[in-house]
Amino acid sequence: WSSDVCSSDLAPLACRNFIQLCLEHYYDNTIFHRVLKKLLIQGGDPTGTGRGGESIWDKAFKDELSPRLRFSHRGIVAMANENKPDTNHSQFFITLDAADWLT
């Protein structure tokens, strides 16, 4: 995760949501409920089921896509949606390797 990306206009909603939830200790004691070896780990669901979580706006927010945002190496943090566009809440994932196909 790069603070340079979050300080830019590339993903302002996702960055604000993730950082605010961190500051509010929303993610404290949550687990990584999805682990895909050599690909990603996913967390951010306080129920631990992969079906919960709320954004700071108490509703889903839109996807923020840019050709400058790529899953080119491990350590990239991104919001996880419900496998439908514009369904981001609190869940996020961290890449464990390059995953350009996720872009």
N, C-alpha and C. Protein backbone atom coordinates (compact mmCIF):
# COMPACT_ATOMS: atom_id res chain seq x y z
N TRP A 1 0.85 -1.16 0.00
CA TRP A 1 0.00 0.00 0.00
C TRP A 1 0.88 1.21 0.00
N SER A 2 0.57 2.13 -0.85
CA SER A 2 1.42 3.30 -0.97
C SER A 2 0.64 4.54 -0.55
N SER A 3 1.19 5.28 0.38
CA SER A 3 0.53 6.51 0.80
C SER A 3 0.48 7.52 -0.33
N ASP A 4 1.39 7.39 -1.31
CA ASP A 4 1.36 8.28 -2.47
C ASP A 4 0.07 8.10 -3.25
N VAL A 5 -0.38 6.85 -3.39
CA VAL A 5 -1.62 6.61 -4.11
C VAL A 5 -2.80 7.17 -3.33
N CYS A 6 -2.84 6.93 -2.04
CA CYS A 6 -3.96 7.42 -1.25
C CYS A 6 -3.98 8.93 -1.11
N SER A 7 -2.86 9.58 -1.26
CA SER A 7 -2.86 11.02 -1.15
C SER A 7 -3.22 11.68 -2.47
N SER A 8 -3.37 10.87 -3.52
CA SER A 8 -3.71 11.41 -4.83
C SER A 8 -5.21 11.33 -5.06
N ASP A 9 -5.59 11.66 -6.26
CA ASP A 9 -7.01 11.61 -6.62
C ASP A 9 -7.40 10.29 -7.28
N LEU A 10 -6.53 9.30 -7.24
CA LEU A 10 -6.80 8.04 -7.93
C LEU A 10 -7.89 7.21 -7.26
N ALA A 11 -7.93 7.18 -5.96
CA ALA A 11 -8.92 6.38 -5.24
C ALA A 11 -9.30 7.08 -3.93
N PRO A 12 -9.85 8.29 -4.01
CA PRO A 12 -10.11 9.04 -2.78
C PRO A 12 -11.16 8.41 -1.86
N LEU A 13 -12.19 7.79 -2.41
CA LEU A 13 -13.21 7.18 -1.55
C LEU A 13 -12.65 5.96 -0.82
N ALA A 14 -11.97 5.09 -1.56
CA ALA A 14 -11.41 3.88 -0.95
C ALA A 14 -10.37 4.25 0.11
N CYS A 15 -9.53 5.21 -0.20
CA CYS A 15 -8.50 5.60 0.76
C CYS A 15 -9.10 6.22 2.00
N ARG A 16 -10.05 7.12 1.81
CA ARG A 16 -10.68 7.75 2.98
C ARG A 16 -11.38 6.71 3.84
N ASN A 17 -12.12 5.81 3.20
CA ASN A 17 -12.83 4.77 3.92
C ASN A 17 -11.87 3.89 4.71
N PHE A 18 -10.83 3.37 4.05
CA PHE A 18 -9.90 2.46 4.70
C PHE A 18 -9.17 3.15 5.85
N ILE A 19 -8.66 4.32 5.61
CA ILE A 19 -7.90 5.03 6.66
C ILE A 19 -8.80 5.40 7.83
N GLN A 20 -10.02 5.87 7.55
CA GLN A 20 -10.93 6.23 8.63
C GLN A 20 -11.30 5.01 9.47
N LEU A 21 -11.58 3.89 8.80
CA LEU A 21 -11.89 2.67 9.55
C LEU A 21 -10.71 2.23 10.41
N CYS A 22 -9.50 2.39 9.90
CA CYS A 22 -8.30 2.08 10.70
C CYS A 22 -8.23 2.99 11.92
N LEU A 23 -8.43 4.29 11.70
CA LEU A 23 -8.36 5.26 12.80
C LEU A 23 -9.43 5.00 13.86
N GLU A 24 -10.58 4.49 13.44
CA GLU A 24 -11.66 4.19 14.38
C GLU A 24 -11.52 2.81 15.02
N HIS A 25 -10.43 2.11 14.73
CA HIS A 25 -10.17 0.76 15.27
C HIS A 25 -11.21 -0.26 14.82
N TYR A 26 -11.85 0.01 13.71
CA TYR A 26 -12.88 -0.89 13.17
C TYR A 26 -12.30 -2.28 12.90
N TYR A 27 -11.07 -2.32 12.43
CA TYR A 27 -10.46 -3.60 12.05
C TYR A 27 -9.79 -4.33 13.21
N ASP A 28 -9.73 -3.72 14.38
CA ASP A 28 -9.09 -4.37 15.52
C ASP A 28 -9.73 -5.73 15.79
N ASN A 29 -8.90 -6.72 15.97
CA ASN A 29 -9.32 -8.08 16.31
C ASN A 29 -10.12 -8.77 15.22
N THR A 30 -10.09 -8.24 13.99
CA THR A 30 -10.73 -8.97 12.89
C THR A 30 -9.72 -9.96 12.32
N ILE A 31 -10.23 -10.92 11.58
CA ILE A 31 -9.37 -11.96 11.02
C ILE A 31 -9.27 -11.79 9.50
N PHE A 32 -8.31 -12.49 8.91
CA PHE A 32 -8.28 -12.63 7.47
C PHE A 32 -9.08 -13.89 7.17
N HIS A 33 -10.30 -13.71 6.70
CA HIS A 33 -11.22 -14.82 6.51
C HIS A 33 -11.02 -15.55 5.18
N ARG A 34 -10.26 -14.94 4.29
CA ARG A 34 -9.99 -15.58 2.99
C ARG A 34 -8.48 -15.51 2.74
N VAL A 35 -7.89 -16.68 2.53
CA VAL A 35 -6.46 -16.75 2.25
C VAL A 35 -6.28 -17.61 1.01
N LEU A 36 -5.77 -16.99 -0.05
CA LEU A 36 -5.48 -17.70 -1.28
C LEU A 36 -3.96 -17.71 -1.45
N LYS A 37 -3.38 -18.85 -1.20
CA LYS A 37 -1.93 -19.00 -1.18
C LYS A 37 -1.29 -18.38 -2.43
N LYS A 38 -0.26 -17.59 -2.20
CA LYS A 38 0.50 -16.91 -3.24
C LYS A 38 -0.33 -15.92 -4.06
N LEU A 39 -1.53 -15.56 -3.60
CA LEU A 39 -2.35 -14.60 -4.33
C LEU A 39 -2.77 -13.44 -3.46
N LEU A 40 -3.60 -13.71 -2.42
CA LEU A 40 -4.09 -12.61 -1.59
C LEU A 40 -4.62 -13.11 -0.26
N ILE A 41 -4.73 -12.17 0.67
CA ILE A 41 -5.45 -12.40 1.92
C ILE A 41 -6.53 -11.33 1.99
N GLN A 42 -7.68 -11.71 2.51
CA GLN A 42 -8.81 -10.78 2.59
C GLN A 42 -9.33 -10.69 4.01
N GLY A 43 -9.63 -9.48 4.44
CA GLY A 43 -10.15 -9.23 5.78
C GLY A 43 -11.07 -8.02 5.76
N GLY A 44 -11.31 -7.51 6.94
CA GLY A 44 -12.13 -6.31 7.05
C GLY A 44 -13.58 -6.56 7.38
N ASP A 45 -13.93 -7.81 7.64
CA ASP A 45 -15.30 -8.18 7.99
C ASP A 45 -15.35 -8.47 9.49
N PRO A 46 -16.01 -7.63 10.27
CA PRO A 46 -16.04 -7.87 11.71
C PRO A 46 -16.77 -9.15 12.12
N THR A 47 -17.59 -9.73 11.23
CA THR A 47 -18.25 -10.99 11.56
C THR A 47 -17.35 -12.19 11.30
N GLY A 48 -16.28 -11.99 10.51
CA GLY A 48 -15.37 -13.08 10.19
C GLY A 48 -15.91 -14.07 9.18
N THR A 49 -17.06 -13.78 8.59
CA THR A 49 -17.69 -14.70 7.65
C THR A 49 -17.43 -14.37 6.19
N GLY A 50 -16.98 -13.16 5.91
CA GLY A 50 -16.83 -12.72 4.54
C GLY A 50 -18.09 -12.10 3.98
N ARG A 51 -19.12 -11.97 4.80
CA ARG A 51 -20.39 -11.41 4.34
C ARG A 51 -20.77 -10.11 5.04
N GLY A 52 -19.92 -9.61 5.93
CA GLY A 52 -20.27 -8.43 6.71
C GLY A 52 -19.36 -7.25 6.46
N GLY A 53 -19.70 -6.18 7.13
CA GLY A 53 -18.89 -4.97 7.09
C GLY A 53 -19.63 -3.79 6.50
N GLU A 54 -19.29 -2.62 6.99
CA GLU A 54 -19.91 -1.38 6.52
C GLU A 54 -18.84 -0.35 6.22
N SER A 55 -19.13 0.50 5.29
CA SER A 55 -18.23 1.61 4.99
C SER A 55 -18.48 2.73 5.99
N ILE A 56 -17.67 3.76 5.94
CA ILE A 56 -17.87 4.90 6.85
C ILE A 56 -19.14 5.66 6.51
N TRP A 57 -19.69 5.40 5.32
CA TRP A 57 -20.94 6.07 4.91
C TRP A 57 -22.17 5.19 5.17
N ASP A 58 -21.98 4.02 5.78
CA ASP A 58 -23.06 3.06 6.07
C ASP A 58 -23.78 2.60 4.81
N LYS A 59 -23.12 2.66 3.68
CA LYS A 59 -23.65 2.13 2.42
C LYS A 59 -22.47 1.84 1.51
N ALA A 60 -22.75 1.10 0.46
CA ALA A 60 -21.69 0.77 -0.50
C ALA A 60 -21.22 2.02 -1.22
N PHE A 61 -19.97 1.97 -1.68
CA PHE A 61 -19.46 3.08 -2.48
C PHE A 61 -18.87 2.54 -3.78
N LYS A 62 -18.75 3.43 -4.75
CA LYS A 62 -18.40 3.03 -6.11
C LYS A 62 -16.93 2.60 -6.25
N ASP A 63 -16.70 1.77 -7.25
CA ASP A 63 -15.35 1.37 -7.61
C ASP A 63 -14.61 2.58 -8.17
N GLU A 64 -13.32 2.62 -7.91
CA GLU A 64 -12.48 3.69 -8.45
C GLU A 64 -11.39 3.03 -9.29
N LEU A 65 -11.54 3.14 -10.60
CA LEU A 65 -10.64 2.46 -11.53
C LEU A 65 -9.76 3.48 -12.23
N SER A 66 -8.52 3.11 -12.41
CA SER A 66 -7.57 3.97 -13.11
C SER A 66 -6.51 3.08 -13.74
N PRO A 67 -6.08 3.39 -14.95
CA PRO A 67 -5.01 2.59 -15.55
C PRO A 67 -3.69 2.71 -14.78
N ARG A 68 -3.58 3.71 -13.93
CA ARG A 68 -2.37 3.87 -13.11
C ARG A 68 -2.35 2.94 -11.90
N LEU A 69 -3.50 2.39 -11.55
CA LEU A 69 -3.58 1.47 -10.41
C LEU A 69 -3.49 0.04 -10.93
N ARG A 70 -2.45 -0.67 -10.55
CA ARG A 70 -2.20 -2.02 -11.04
C ARG A 70 -1.80 -2.92 -9.87
N PHE A 71 -2.12 -4.18 -10.00
CA PHE A 71 -1.72 -5.18 -9.01
C PHE A 71 -0.41 -5.82 -9.48
N SER A 72 0.63 -5.02 -9.52
CA SER A 72 1.89 -5.41 -10.14
C SER A 72 2.88 -6.09 -9.20
N HIS A 73 2.60 -6.09 -7.91
CA HIS A 73 3.52 -6.72 -6.96
C HIS A 73 2.78 -7.03 -5.65
N ARG A 74 3.45 -7.71 -4.76
CA ARG A 74 2.81 -8.03 -3.48
C ARG A 74 2.72 -6.77 -2.61
N GLY A 75 1.78 -6.80 -1.69
CA GLY A 75 1.64 -5.69 -0.76
C GLY A 75 0.65 -4.62 -1.19
N ILE A 76 -0.03 -4.82 -2.30
CA ILE A 76 -1.03 -3.86 -2.76
C ILE A 76 -2.31 -4.07 -1.94
N VAL A 77 -2.86 -2.99 -1.41
CA VAL A 77 -4.11 -3.05 -0.65
C VAL A 77 -5.21 -2.47 -1.52
N ALA A 78 -6.34 -3.18 -1.57
CA ALA A 78 -7.49 -2.70 -2.34
C ALA A 78 -8.77 -3.11 -1.64
N MET A 79 -9.83 -2.40 -1.93
CA MET A 79 -11.13 -2.76 -1.37
C MET A 79 -11.65 -4.01 -2.08
N ALA A 80 -12.34 -4.86 -1.35
CA ALA A 80 -12.97 -6.06 -1.91
C ALA A 80 -14.46 -5.78 -2.03
N ASN A 81 -15.01 -6.02 -3.20
CA ASN A 81 -16.45 -5.80 -3.37
C ASN A 81 -17.20 -7.13 -3.30
N GLU A 82 -18.47 -7.10 -3.62
CA GLU A 82 -19.32 -8.28 -3.54
C GLU A 82 -19.40 -9.00 -4.89
N ASN A 83 -18.34 -8.93 -5.67
CA ASN A 83 -18.31 -9.48 -7.03
C ASN A 83 -19.33 -8.83 -7.94
N LYS A 84 -19.72 -7.63 -7.59
CA LYS A 84 -20.59 -6.79 -8.42
C LYS A 84 -20.00 -5.39 -8.37
N PRO A 85 -20.13 -4.63 -9.44
CA PRO A 85 -19.60 -3.27 -9.43
C PRO A 85 -20.21 -2.41 -8.32
N ASP A 86 -19.38 -1.52 -7.80
CA ASP A 86 -19.82 -0.48 -6.86
C ASP A 86 -20.45 -1.02 -5.58
N THR A 87 -19.87 -2.09 -5.04
CA THR A 87 -20.38 -2.70 -3.81
C THR A 87 -19.29 -2.78 -2.74
N ASN A 88 -18.48 -1.75 -2.62
CA ASN A 88 -17.41 -1.70 -1.63
C ASN A 88 -17.95 -1.27 -0.28
N HIS A 89 -17.48 -1.93 0.77
CA HIS A 89 -17.87 -1.58 2.14
C HIS A 89 -16.58 -1.45 2.97
N SER A 90 -16.33 -2.43 3.84
CA SER A 90 -15.14 -2.37 4.69
C SER A 90 -14.10 -3.43 4.34
N GLN A 91 -14.49 -4.43 3.57
CA GLN A 91 -13.55 -5.52 3.30
C GLN A 91 -12.47 -5.07 2.32
N PHE A 92 -11.29 -5.60 2.54
CA PHE A 92 -10.13 -5.26 1.71
C PHE A 92 -9.29 -6.51 1.51
N PHE A 93 -8.40 -6.44 0.54
CA PHE A 93 -7.45 -7.52 0.37
C PHE A 93 -6.06 -6.96 0.16
N ILE A 94 -5.08 -7.82 0.42
CA ILE A 94 -3.68 -7.48 0.24
C ILE A 94 -3.07 -8.56 -0.66
N THR A 95 -2.43 -8.12 -1.74
CA THR A 95 -1.83 -9.09 -2.65
C THR A 95 -0.58 -9.71 -2.03
N LEU A 96 -0.39 -10.98 -2.32
CA LEU A 96 0.79 -11.71 -1.85
C LEU A 96 1.80 -11.89 -2.98
N ASP A 97 1.44 -11.50 -4.18
CA ASP A 97 2.30 -11.58 -5.35
C ASP A 97 1.66 -10.68 -6.42
N ALA A 98 2.31 -10.55 -7.54
CA ALA A 98 1.72 -9.81 -8.65
C ALA A 98 0.43 -10.52 -9.08
N ALA A 99 -0.57 -9.73 -9.42
CA ALA A 99 -1.87 -10.29 -9.84
C ALA A 99 -2.50 -9.33 -10.86
N ASP A 100 -1.79 -9.12 -11.96
CA ASP A 100 -2.27 -8.17 -12.97
C ASP A 100 -3.67 -8.48 -13.46
N TRP A 101 -4.06 -9.74 -13.46
CA TRP A 101 -5.40 -10.09 -13.94
C TRP A 101 -6.51 -9.50 -13.06
N LEU A 102 -6.19 -9.13 -11.81
CA LEU A 102 -7.17 -8.49 -10.95
C LEU A 102 -7.45 -7.04 -11.38
N THR A 103 -6.50 -6.43 -12.06
CA THR A 103 -6.66 -5.06 -12.49
C THR A 103 -7.84 -4.96 -13.43
